[in-house]
Amino acid sequence: MPKSPPIRPRSKRRAIGACPALCLRASPSSGRTALRWRSGGWNRGGCNAVSLEHFASFDGTSLAIHTRGTGRPVILLHGLFSSAHMNWIKWGHDARLAAAGFRAIMLDFRVHGESEAPREVGAYPPGVLMRDVAALIDHLGLADSEYDLAGFSLGARTVVHGCASGVFAPRRLVLAGMGVSGLADWQRRAGFFTRVIDQFDTIERGDPAYLSRQFLKSQGVDRVAARLLLGAFEDLDPATLANVAPPTLVICGDRDQDNGSAKDLAALLPDAVYDEIPGGHLDSATKPELGEGIVRFLSA
């Protein structure tokens, strides 16, 4: 990978006051840790409010980092057209990690969330998101095996590409909402999302692309920049999965086949376990079982 220019981090960091904090309490009936909303910040276990900062990636693009908690760093990467807030904060997954003693570091990919969305073709070289994550790891000063990596859908495929090519060296991995075809047959998926963008104003209810269109609209994603980003993704040769050495959790909704078989993906990885949670591709990200599964695996 080409050597990245020096990172120019911004010095200002602020708490996101608009995001209500979560408190955790044990449910007497089920034994499960439950979530309830409250105003103000965390007041236990170092689970402080979410903070936001920006840093300059390898090409100077400004990227947002949301952080909650202290302890062992775990980098969380969201799905396509989503954001750190939508994937990890809104449903309390970051709060569960913070309560378990982790520092949840959530990146907004370029074009997503509070990160910059350049409209220049040159801002989207092959492997651009992998390079952004590598720049984040450098920015944080994390050495090999000093952090864990977890990704949902697009975040998961970015994690796999980085580990298979030797760019990332985390202690443990979590791949959520990802199967073999989402890695090896990306061009088919890219065609679907390109259609969502190109036919955005004419897609009607009942069309298979309607839900993706509505989600894209709800997130306010810049469609010009998003279309450029789609062209930067490459298919992965399944043979390279043998290079993904860290212990890995593959976790997926029981009705989620959007990216192919997650069970088959787990079988192809050298050291992986499979966990199934309720839901399809979109709603599985909202389930408490996702955060609970991640915490359980990373705490083992």
C-alpha atoms as a PDB file:
ATOM      1  CA  MET A   1       0.000   0.000   0.000  1.00  0.00           C
ATOM      2  CA  PRO A   2       1.398   3.450  -0.839  1.00  0.00           C
ATOM      3  CA  LYS A   3       2.858   5.296   2.122  1.00  0.00           C
ATOM      4  CA  SER A   4       0.342   7.683   3.608  1.00  0.00           C
ATOM      5  CA  PRO A   5       1.245  11.357   4.026  1.00  0.00           C
ATOM      6  CA  PRO A   6       1.405  12.694   7.588  1.00  0.00           C
ATOM      7  CA  ILE A   7      -1.956  12.787   9.335  1.00  0.00           C
ATOM      8  CA  ARG A   8      -3.116  16.242  10.413  1.00  0.00           C
ATOM      9  CA  PRO A   9      -5.539  15.616  13.282  1.00  0.00           C
ATOM     10  CA  ARG A  10      -7.801  18.385  14.442  1.00  0.00           C
ATOM     11  CA  SER A  11      -7.278  19.293  18.058  1.00  0.00           C
ATOM     12  CA  LYS A  12     -10.909  19.947  18.977  1.00  0.00           C
ATOM     13  CA  ARG A  13     -12.988  17.173  20.442  1.00  0.00           C
ATOM     14  CA  ARG A  14     -16.553  17.636  21.589  1.00  0.00           C
ATOM     15  CA  ALA A  15     -19.202  15.572  23.298  1.00  0.00           C
ATOM     16  CA  ILE A  16     -22.331  14.888  21.330  1.00  0.00           C
ATOM     17  CA  GLY A  17     -24.904  16.394  23.622  1.00  0.00           C
ATOM     18  CA  ALA A  18     -27.755  15.585  21.269  1.00  0.00           C
ATOM     19  CA  CYS A  19     -27.239  11.844  21.662  1.00  0.00           C
ATOM     20  CA  PRO A  20     -28.905  10.670  24.876  1.00  0.00           C
ATOM     21  CA  ALA A  21     -26.769   8.388  26.970  1.00  0.00           C
ATOM     22  CA  LEU A  22     -27.791   4.870  27.849  1.00  0.00           C
ATOM     23  CA  CYS A  23     -27.815   3.205  31.225  1.00  0.00           C
ATOM     24  CA  LEU A  24     -27.458  -0.517  31.649  1.00  0.00           C
ATOM     25  CA  ARG A  25     -29.317  -2.534  34.219  1.00  0.00           C
ATOM     26  CA  ALA A  26     -29.678  -6.265  34.739  1.00  0.00           C
ATOM     27  CA  SER A  27     -33.087  -7.746  34.013  1.00  0.00           C
ATOM     28  CA  PRO A  28     -34.104  -9.912  37.013  1.00  0.00           C
ATOM     29  CA  SER A  29     -36.277 -12.161  34.861  1.00  0.00           C
ATOM     30  CA  SER A  30     -33.921 -12.924  31.987  1.00  0.00           C
ATOM     31  CA  GLY A  31     -30.496 -12.097  33.365  1.00  0.00           C
ATOM     32  CA  ARG A  32     -29.893 -10.104  30.179  1.00  0.00           C
ATOM     33  CA  THR A  33     -28.376  -6.655  30.471  1.00  0.00           C
ATOM     34  CA  ALA A  34     -31.151  -4.268  29.495  1.00  0.00           C
ATOM     35  CA  LEU A  35     -30.957  -0.757  28.099  1.00  0.00           C
ATOM     36  CA  ARG A  36     -32.925   2.281  29.172  1.00  0.00           C
ATOM     37  CA  TRP A  37     -32.589   5.860  27.964  1.00  0.00           C
ATOM     38  CA  ARG A  38     -31.743   8.724  30.248  1.00  0.00           C
ATOM     39  CA  SER A  39     -30.579  12.280  29.793  1.00  0.00           C
ATOM     40  CA  GLY A  40     -27.067  13.347  30.664  1.00  0.00           C
ATOM     41  CA  GLY A  41     -23.883  11.306  30.458  1.00  0.00           C
ATOM     42  CA  TRP A  42     -22.706   7.952  31.656  1.00  0.00           C
ATOM     43  CA  ASN A  43     -22.000   7.816  35.358  1.00  0.00           C
ATOM     44  CA  ARG A  44     -20.621   4.324  35.766  1.00  0.00           C
ATOM     45  CA  GLY A  45     -17.661   2.289  34.604  1.00  0.00           C
ATOM     46  CA  GLY A  46     -16.085   5.130  32.623  1.00  0.00           C
ATOM     47  CA  CYS A  47     -18.924   4.949  30.072  1.00  0.00           C
ATOM     48  CA  ASN A  48     -18.927   8.669  29.360  1.00  0.00           C
ATOM     49  CA  ALA A  49     -20.895  10.436  26.655  1.00  0.00           C
ATOM     50  CA  VAL A  50     -19.957   9.940  23.032  1.00  0.00           C
ATOM     51  CA  SER A  51     -17.244  12.333  21.841  1.00  0.00           C
ATOM     52  CA  LEU A  52     -16.648  13.454  18.273  1.00  0.00           C
ATOM     53  CA  GLU A  53     -13.423  14.468  16.574  1.00  0.00           C
ATOM     54  CA  HIS A  54     -12.157  14.675  13.006  1.00  0.00           C
ATOM     55  CA  PHE A  55      -8.832  13.700  11.498  1.00  0.00           C
ATOM     56  CA  ALA A  56      -7.306  13.975   8.036  1.00  0.00           C
ATOM     57  CA  SER A  57      -7.045  10.653   6.212  1.00  0.00           C
ATOM     58  CA  PHE A  58      -4.252   9.585   3.842  1.00  0.00           C
ATOM     59  CA  ASP A  59      -5.408  12.060   1.163  1.00  0.00           C
ATOM     60  CA  GLY A  60      -6.503  14.871   3.477  1.00  0.00           C
ATOM     61  CA  THR A  61     -10.208  13.947   3.486  1.00  0.00           C
ATOM     62  CA  SER A  62     -11.758  14.865   6.838  1.00  0.00           C
ATOM     63  CA  LEU A  63     -13.194  11.823   8.621  1.00  0.00           C
ATOM     64  CA  ALA A  64     -15.290  11.732  11.800  1.00  0.00           C
ATOM     65  CA  ILE A  65     -14.542   9.505  14.793  1.00  0.00           C
ATOM     66  CA  HIS A  66     -17.120   8.907  17.533  1.00  0.00           C
ATOM     67  CA  THR A  67     -15.794   7.458  20.798  1.00  0.00           C
ATOM     68  CA  ARG A  68     -17.434   6.114  23.945  1.00  0.00           C
ATOM     69  CA  GLY A  69     -15.817   4.529  26.982  1.00  0.00           C
ATOM     70  CA  THR A  70     -12.305   3.674  28.089  1.00  0.00           C
ATOM     71  CA  GLY A  71     -10.331   0.472  28.014  1.00  0.00           C
ATOM     72  CA  ARG A  72      -9.322  -1.869  25.230  1.00  0.00           C
ATOM     73  CA  PRO A  73      -9.878  -0.187  21.823  1.00  0.00           C
ATOM     74  CA  VAL A  74     -12.412  -1.758  19.468  1.00  0.00           C
ATOM     75  CA  ILE A  75     -12.863  -0.068  16.094  1.00  0.00           C
ATOM     76  CA  LEU A  76     -16.433  -0.314  14.779  1.00  0.00           C
ATOM     77  CA  LEU A  77     -17.170   0.115  11.065  1.00  0.00           C
ATOM     78  CA  HIS A  78     -20.725   0.694   9.828  1.00  0.00           C
ATOM     79  CA  GLY A  79     -22.627  -0.455   6.747  1.00  0.00           C
ATOM     80  CA  LEU A  80     -23.204   1.152   3.355  1.00  0.00           C
ATOM     81  CA  PHE A  81     -25.245   4.402   3.406  1.00  0.00           C
ATOM     82  CA  SER A  82     -25.356   4.171   7.219  1.00  0.00           C
ATOM     83  CA  SER A  83     -23.195   5.858   9.876  1.00  0.00           C
ATOM     84  CA  ALA A  84     -21.616   5.284  13.268  1.00  0.00           C
ATOM     85  CA  HIS A  85     -24.716   6.736  14.895  1.00  0.00           C
ATOM     86  CA  MET A  86     -27.189   4.601  12.940  1.00  0.00           C
ATOM     87  CA  ASN A  87     -25.258   1.327  13.244  1.00  0.00           C
ATOM     88  CA  TRP A  88     -23.686   1.481  16.695  1.00  0.00           C
ATOM     89  CA  ILE A  89     -24.888   4.385  18.844  1.00  0.00           C
ATOM     90  CA  LYS A  90     -28.643   4.520  18.239  1.00  0.00           C
ATOM     91  CA  TRP A  91     -29.191   0.896  19.245  1.00  0.00           C
ATOM     92  CA  GLY A  92     -26.807   0.911  22.210  1.00  0.00           C
ATOM     93  CA  HIS A  93     -24.102  -1.415  20.892  1.00  0.00           C
ATOM     94  CA  ASP A  94     -21.357   1.084  21.747  1.00  0.00           C
ATOM     95  CA  ALA A  95     -22.842   1.517  25.219  1.00  0.00           C
ATOM     96  CA  ARG A  96     -22.729  -2.227  25.843  1.00  0.00           C
ATOM     97  CA  LEU A  97     -19.079  -2.323  24.821  1.00  0.00           C
ATOM     98  CA  ALA A  98     -18.220   0.658  27.017  1.00  0.00           C
ATOM     99  CA  ALA A  99     -19.992  -0.910  29.993  1.00  0.00           C
ATOM    100  CA  ALA A 100     -17.947  -4.076  29.431  1.00  0.00           C
ATOM    101  CA  GLY A 101     -14.686  -2.130  29.657  1.00  0.00           C
ATOM    102  CA  PHE A 102     -14.017  -1.380  25.988  1.00  0.00           C
ATOM    103  CA  ARG A 103     -13.281   1.892  24.233  1.00  0.00           C
ATOM    104  CA  ALA A 104     -15.688   1.939  21.286  1.00  0.00           C
ATOM    105  CA  ILE A 105     -14.106   3.882  18.408  1.00  0.00           C
ATOM    106  CA  MET A 106     -16.612   4.389  15.598  1.00  0.00           C
ATOM    107  CA  LEU A 107     -15.520   5.746  12.229  1.00  0.00           C
ATOM    108  CA  ASP A 108     -17.842   7.461   9.782  1.00  0.00           C
ATOM    109  CA  PHE A 109     -16.598   6.298   6.377  1.00  0.00           C
ATOM    110  CA  ARG A 110     -16.053   9.007   3.775  1.00  0.00           C
ATOM    111  CA  VAL A 111     -19.407   9.984   2.198  1.00  0.00           C
ATOM    112  CA  HIS A 112     -21.183   8.855   5.382  1.00  0.00           C
ATOM    113  CA  GLY A 113     -22.290  10.450   8.635  1.00  0.00           C
ATOM    114  CA  GLU A 114     -20.274  13.500   9.651  1.00  0.00           C
ATOM    115  CA  SER A 115     -17.311  12.737   7.396  1.00  0.00           C
ATOM    116  CA  GLU A 116     -16.460  14.619   4.230  1.00  0.00           C
ATOM    117  CA  ALA A 117     -18.013  13.527   0.914  1.00  0.00           C
ATOM    118  CA  PRO A 118     -15.632  14.601  -1.873  1.00  0.00           C
ATOM    119  CA  ARG A 119     -17.070  14.740  -5.388  1.00  0.00           C
ATOM    120  CA  GLU A 120     -13.754  14.286  -7.208  1.00  0.00           C
ATOM    121  CA  VAL A 121     -13.039  10.955  -8.921  1.00  0.00           C
ATOM    122  CA  GLY A 122      -9.490  10.996  -7.550  1.00  0.00           C
ATOM    123  CA  ALA A 123     -10.831  10.768  -3.993  1.00  0.00           C
ATOM    124  CA  TYR A 124     -11.928   7.156  -4.614  1.00  0.00           C
ATOM    125  CA  PRO A 125      -8.946   4.964  -5.546  1.00  0.00           C
ATOM    126  CA  PRO A 126      -9.307   1.182  -5.216  1.00  0.00           C
ATOM    127  CA  GLY A 127      -9.316   0.143  -1.572  1.00  0.00           C
ATOM    128  CA  VAL A 128     -10.030   3.674  -0.373  1.00  0.00           C
ATOM    129  CA  LEU A 129     -11.977   2.629   2.736  1.00  0.00           C
ATOM    130  CA  MET A 130      -9.282   0.151   3.739  1.00  0.00           C
ATOM    131  CA  ARG A 131      -6.743   2.968   3.463  1.00  0.00           C
ATOM    132  CA  ASP A 132      -8.984   5.230   5.558  1.00  0.00           C
ATOM    133  CA  VAL A 133      -9.122   2.617   8.330  1.00  0.00           C
ATOM    134  CA  ALA A 134      -5.339   2.165   8.143  1.00  0.00           C
ATOM    135  CA  ALA A 135      -4.998   5.947   8.503  1.00  0.00           C
ATOM    136  CA  LEU A 136      -7.299   5.838  11.536  1.00  0.00           C
ATOM    137  CA  ILE A 137      -5.199   3.120  13.181  1.00  0.00           C
ATOM    138  CA  ASP A 138      -2.073   5.219  12.556  1.00  0.00           C
ATOM    139  CA  HIS A 139      -3.825   8.323  13.901  1.00  0.00           C
ATOM    140  CA  LEU A 140      -4.731   6.471  17.095  1.00  0.00           C
ATOM    141  CA  GLY A 141      -1.183   5.135  17.465  1.00  0.00           C
ATOM    142  CA  LEU A 142      -2.347   1.523  17.783  1.00  0.00           C
ATOM    143  CA  ALA A 143       0.194  -1.247  17.268  1.00  0.00           C
ATOM    144  CA  ASP A 144      -0.589  -4.733  15.956  1.00  0.00           C
ATOM    145  CA  SER A 145      -2.876  -6.740  18.284  1.00  0.00           C
ATOM    146  CA  GLU A 146      -3.548  -3.686  20.466  1.00  0.00           C
ATOM    147  CA  TYR A 147      -7.093  -3.339  19.132  1.00  0.00           C
ATOM    148  CA  ASP A 148     -10.097  -5.325  17.958  1.00  0.00           C
ATOM    149  CA  LEU A 149     -12.014  -4.723  14.719  1.00  0.00           C
ATOM    150  CA  ALA A 150     -15.739  -5.133  14.103  1.00  0.00           C
ATOM    151  CA  GLY A 151     -17.684  -4.319  10.957  1.00  0.00           C
ATOM    152  CA  PHE A 152     -21.256  -4.571   9.742  1.00  0.00           C
ATOM    153  CA  SER A 153     -21.858  -5.314   6.032  1.00  0.00           C
ATOM    154  CA  LEU A 154     -19.642  -2.777   4.207  1.00  0.00           C
ATOM    155  CA  GLY A 155     -17.627  -2.452   7.406  1.00  0.00           C
ATOM    156  CA  ALA A 156     -17.169  -6.220   7.508  1.00  0.00           C
ATOM    157  CA  ARG A 157     -15.973  -6.450   3.914  1.00  0.00           C
ATOM    158  CA  THR A 158     -13.515  -3.607   4.601  1.00  0.00           C
ATOM    159  CA  VAL A 159     -12.193  -5.527   7.613  1.00  0.00           C
ATOM    160  CA  VAL A 160     -11.787  -8.737   5.593  1.00  0.00           C
ATOM    161  CA  HIS A 161      -9.988  -6.974   2.728  1.00  0.00           C
ATOM    162  CA  GLY A 162      -7.603  -5.305   5.191  1.00  0.00           C
ATOM    163  CA  CYS A 163      -6.805  -8.500   7.092  1.00  0.00           C
ATOM    164  CA  ALA A 164      -6.514 -10.685   3.985  1.00  0.00           C
ATOM    165  CA  SER A 165      -4.006  -8.254   2.480  1.00  0.00           C
ATOM    166  CA  GLY A 166      -2.006  -7.813   5.683  1.00  0.00           C
ATOM    167  CA  VAL A 167      -2.902  -4.152   6.187  1.00  0.00           C
ATOM    168  CA  PHE A 168      -4.756  -4.719   9.495  1.00  0.00           C
ATOM    169  CA  ALA A 169      -3.479  -6.854  12.378  1.00  0.00           C
ATOM    170  CA  PRO A 170      -6.121  -6.791  15.128  1.00  0.00           C
ATOM    171  CA  ARG A 171      -6.352  -9.122  18.104  1.00  0.00           C
ATOM    172  CA  ARG A 172      -9.897 -10.297  17.250  1.00  0.00           C
ATOM    173  CA  LEU A 173     -12.414  -9.707  14.452  1.00  0.00           C
ATOM    174  CA  VAL A 174     -16.183  -9.471  14.269  1.00  0.00           C
ATOM    175  CA  LEU A 175     -17.880  -9.757  10.864  1.00  0.00           C
ATOM    176  CA  ALA A 176     -21.594  -8.912  11.011  1.00  0.00           C
ATOM    177  CA  GLY A 177     -24.106  -9.138   8.175  1.00  0.00           C
ATOM    178  CA  MET A 178     -21.565 -10.563   5.720  1.00  0.00           C
ATOM    179  CA  GLY A 179     -21.392 -13.725   3.621  1.00  0.00           C
ATOM    180  CA  VAL A 180     -19.189 -15.094   0.870  1.00  0.00           C
ATOM    181  CA  SER A 181     -20.969 -13.482  -2.096  1.00  0.00           C
ATOM    182  CA  GLY A 182     -20.776 -10.053  -0.460  1.00  0.00           C
ATOM    183  CA  LEU A 183     -17.002 -10.401  -0.705  1.00  0.00           C
ATOM    184  CA  ALA A 184     -16.480 -12.381  -3.906  1.00  0.00           C
ATOM    185  CA  ASP A 185     -19.346 -11.027  -6.024  1.00  0.00           C
ATOM    186  CA  TRP A 186     -19.409  -7.356  -5.081  1.00  0.00           C
ATOM    187  CA  GLN A 187     -19.941  -6.144  -8.643  1.00  0.00           C
ATOM    188  CA  ARG A 188     -23.447  -7.609  -8.619  1.00  0.00           C
ATOM    189  CA  ARG A 189     -24.239  -5.784  -5.386  1.00  0.00           C
ATOM    190  CA  ALA A 190     -22.649  -2.608  -6.695  1.00  0.00           C
ATOM    191  CA  GLY A 191     -24.952  -2.752  -9.718  1.00  0.00           C
ATOM    192  CA  PHE A 192     -27.967  -2.931  -7.419  1.00  0.00           C
ATOM    193  CA  PHE A 193     -26.898   0.119  -5.408  1.00  0.00           C
ATOM    194  CA  THR A 194     -25.905   2.036  -8.534  1.00  0.00           C
ATOM    195  CA  ARG A 195     -29.443   1.510  -9.781  1.00  0.00           C
ATOM    196  CA  VAL A 196     -30.800   2.827  -6.467  1.00  0.00           C
ATOM    197  CA  ILE A 197     -28.828   6.028  -7.034  1.00  0.00           C
ATOM    198  CA  ASP A 198     -29.458   6.410 -10.766  1.00  0.00           C
ATOM    199  CA  GLN A 199     -33.205   5.729 -10.508  1.00  0.00           C
ATOM    200  CA  PHE A 200     -33.636   7.362  -7.114  1.00  0.00           C
ATOM    201  CA  ASP A 201     -36.600   9.545  -8.118  1.00  0.00           C
ATOM    202  CA  THR A 202     -38.525   6.833  -9.969  1.00  0.00           C
ATOM    203  CA  ILE A 203     -38.242   3.771  -7.702  1.00  0.00           C
ATOM    204  CA  GLU A 204     -41.703   2.965  -6.372  1.00  0.00           C
ATOM    205  CA  ARG A 205     -43.017   1.005  -3.422  1.00  0.00           C
ATOM    206  CA  GLY A 206     -42.913  -2.719  -4.182  1.00  0.00           C
ATOM    207  CA  ASP A 207     -39.648  -2.465  -6.120  1.00  0.00           C
ATOM    208  CA  PRO A 208     -36.869  -4.612  -4.534  1.00  0.00           C
ATOM    209  CA  ALA A 209     -34.762  -1.434  -4.400  1.00  0.00           C
ATOM    210  CA  TYR A 210     -37.407   0.612  -2.562  1.00  0.00           C
ATOM    211  CA  LEU A 211     -36.194  -0.048   0.994  1.00  0.00           C
ATOM    212  CA  SER A 212     -32.592   0.766   0.039  1.00  0.00           C
ATOM    213  CA  ARG A 213     -33.806   3.953  -1.628  1.00  0.00           C
ATOM    214  CA  GLN A 214     -35.729   4.970   1.493  1.00  0.00           C
ATOM    215  CA  PHE A 215     -32.749   4.205   3.736  1.00  0.00           C
ATOM    216  CA  LEU A 216     -30.419   6.216   1.501  1.00  0.00           C
ATOM    217  CA  LYS A 217     -32.883   9.113   1.597  1.00  0.00           C
ATOM    218  CA  SER A 218     -33.246   8.973   5.387  1.00  0.00           C
ATOM    219  CA  GLN A 219     -29.469   9.182   5.886  1.00  0.00           C
ATOM    220  CA  GLY A 220     -29.018  12.225   3.641  1.00  0.00           C
ATOM    221  CA  VAL A 221     -26.131  10.636   1.745  1.00  0.00           C
ATOM    222  CA  ASP A 222     -24.602  12.675  -1.101  1.00  0.00           C
ATOM    223  CA  ARG A 223     -25.604  10.538  -4.088  1.00  0.00           C
ATOM    224  CA  VAL A 224     -22.929  11.913  -6.414  1.00  0.00           C
ATOM    225  CA  ALA A 225     -20.163  11.014  -3.957  1.00  0.00           C
ATOM    226  CA  ALA A 226     -21.820   7.683  -3.108  1.00  0.00           C
ATOM    227  CA  ARG A 227     -21.817   6.637  -6.756  1.00  0.00           C
ATOM    228  CA  LEU A 228     -18.106   7.394  -7.000  1.00  0.00           C
ATOM    229  CA  LEU A 229     -17.451   5.372  -3.848  1.00  0.00           C
ATOM    230  CA  LEU A 230     -19.260   2.325  -5.241  1.00  0.00           C
ATOM    231  CA  GLY A 231     -16.721   2.195  -8.061  1.00  0.00           C
ATOM    232  CA  ALA A 232     -13.820   1.891  -5.615  1.00  0.00           C
ATOM    233  CA  PHE A 233     -14.815  -1.514  -4.232  1.00  0.00           C
ATOM    234  CA  GLU A 234     -13.195  -4.674  -5.547  1.00  0.00           C
ATOM    235  CA  ASP A 235     -14.134  -8.347  -5.405  1.00  0.00           C
ATOM    236  CA  LEU A 236     -12.151 -10.560  -3.041  1.00  0.00           C
ATOM    237  CA  ASP A 237     -10.648 -13.874  -4.094  1.00  0.00           C
ATOM    238  CA  PRO A 238     -12.071 -16.378  -1.552  1.00  0.00           C
ATOM    239  CA  ALA A 239      -8.688 -18.114  -1.478  1.00  0.00           C
ATOM    240  CA  THR A 240      -7.262 -15.081   0.346  1.00  0.00           C
ATOM    241  CA  LEU A 241      -9.571 -15.741   3.302  1.00  0.00           C
ATOM    242  CA  ALA A 242      -6.891 -18.184   4.453  1.00  0.00           C
ATOM    243  CA  ASN A 243      -4.800 -15.108   5.303  1.00  0.00           C
ATOM    244  CA  VAL A 244      -7.325 -13.854   7.873  1.00  0.00           C
ATOM    245  CA  ALA A 245      -5.544 -15.171  10.956  1.00  0.00           C
ATOM    246  CA  PRO A 246      -7.188 -13.552  14.021  1.00  0.00           C
ATOM    247  CA  PRO A 247      -9.961 -15.356  15.894  1.00  0.00           C
ATOM    248  CA  THR A 248     -13.174 -14.235  14.208  1.00  0.00           C
ATOM    249  CA  LEU A 249     -16.858 -14.051  15.072  1.00  0.00           C
ATOM    250  CA  VAL A 250     -19.202 -14.212  12.078  1.00  0.00           C
ATOM    251  CA  ILE A 251     -22.603 -13.010  13.292  1.00  0.00           C
ATOM    252  CA  CYS A 252     -25.672 -12.635  11.106  1.00  0.00           C
ATOM    253  CA  GLY A 253     -29.445 -12.340  11.171  1.00  0.00           C
ATOM    254  CA  ASP A 254     -31.364 -15.585  10.701  1.00  0.00           C
ATOM    255  CA  ARG A 255     -33.204 -14.034   7.718  1.00  0.00           C
ATOM    256  CA  ASP A 256     -30.229 -12.160   6.272  1.00  0.00           C
ATOM    257  CA  GLN A 257     -29.052 -13.443   2.896  1.00  0.00           C
ATOM    258  CA  ASP A 258     -28.200 -10.042   1.371  1.00  0.00           C
ATOM    259  CA  ASN A 259     -24.483 -10.836   1.241  1.00  0.00           C
ATOM    260  CA  GLY A 260     -24.797 -14.589   0.835  1.00  0.00           C
ATOM    261  CA  SER A 261     -24.151 -17.290   3.396  1.00  0.00           C
ATOM    262  CA  ALA A 262     -22.510 -16.158   6.620  1.00  0.00           C
ATOM    263  CA  LYS A 263     -22.175 -19.800   7.695  1.00  0.00           C
ATOM    264  CA  ASP A 264     -20.145 -20.549   4.570  1.00  0.00           C
ATOM    265  CA  LEU A 265     -17.949 -17.538   5.282  1.00  0.00           C
ATOM    266  CA  ALA A 266     -17.236 -18.797   8.800  1.00  0.00           C
ATOM    267  CA  ALA A 267     -16.335 -22.215   7.382  1.00  0.00           C
ATOM    268  CA  LEU A 268     -13.771 -20.673   5.018  1.00  0.00           C
ATOM    269  CA  LEU A 269     -11.960 -18.671   7.695  1.00  0.00           C
ATOM    270  CA  PRO A 270      -9.055 -20.302   9.579  1.00  0.00           C
ATOM    271  CA  ASP A 271     -10.315 -19.566  13.103  1.00  0.00           C
ATOM    272  CA  ALA A 272     -13.980 -18.535  13.111  1.00  0.00           C
ATOM    273  CA  VAL A 273     -17.173 -19.196  15.032  1.00  0.00           C
ATOM    274  CA  TYR A 274     -20.687 -18.522  13.775  1.00  0.00           C
ATOM    275  CA  ASP A 275     -23.490 -16.905  15.763  1.00  0.00           C
ATOM    276  CA  GLU A 276     -27.047 -16.310  14.579  1.00  0.00           C
ATOM    277  CA  ILE A 277     -29.296 -13.509  15.810  1.00  0.00           C
ATOM    278  CA  PRO A 278     -32.872 -12.528  14.926  1.00  0.00           C
ATOM    279  CA  GLY A 279     -33.611 -10.403  11.875  1.00  0.00           C
ATOM    280  CA  GLY A 280     -32.883  -9.640   8.264  1.00  0.00           C
ATOM    281  CA  HIS A 281     -30.056  -7.504   6.943  1.00  0.00           C
ATOM    282  CA  LEU A 282     -31.304  -4.113   8.124  1.00  0.00           C
ATOM    283  CA  ASP A 283     -33.182  -4.947  11.309  1.00  0.00           C
ATOM    284  CA  SER A 284     -30.569  -7.347  12.706  1.00  0.00           C
ATOM    285  CA  ALA A 285     -28.401  -4.273  13.328  1.00  0.00           C
ATOM    286  CA  THR A 286     -31.064  -2.967  15.716  1.00  0.00           C
ATOM    287  CA  LYS A 287     -31.216  -6.085  17.887  1.00  0.00           C
ATOM    288  CA  PRO A 288     -29.595  -6.169  21.347  1.00  0.00           C
ATOM    289  CA  GLU A 289     -28.312  -9.645  20.483  1.00  0.00           C
ATOM    290  CA  LEU A 290     -25.813  -8.060  18.076  1.00  0.00           C
ATOM    291  CA  GLY A 291     -24.121  -5.981  20.762  1.00  0.00           C
ATOM    292  CA  GLU A 292     -24.341  -8.808  23.267  1.00  0.00           C
ATOM    293  CA  GLY A 293     -22.704 -11.230  20.853  1.00  0.00           C
ATOM    294  CA  ILE A 294     -19.871  -8.813  20.116  1.00  0.00           C
ATOM    295  CA  VAL A 295     -19.222  -8.173  23.812  1.00  0.00           C
ATOM    296  CA  ARG A 296     -19.294 -11.890  24.611  1.00  0.00           C
ATOM    297  CA  PHE A 297     -16.778 -12.751  21.889  1.00  0.00           C
ATOM    298  CA  LEU A 298     -14.377  -9.878  22.529  1.00  0.00           C
ATOM    299  CA  SER A 299     -14.449 -10.520  26.290  1.00  0.00           C
ATOM    300  CA  ALA A 300     -13.560 -14.210  25.985  1.00  0.00           C
END
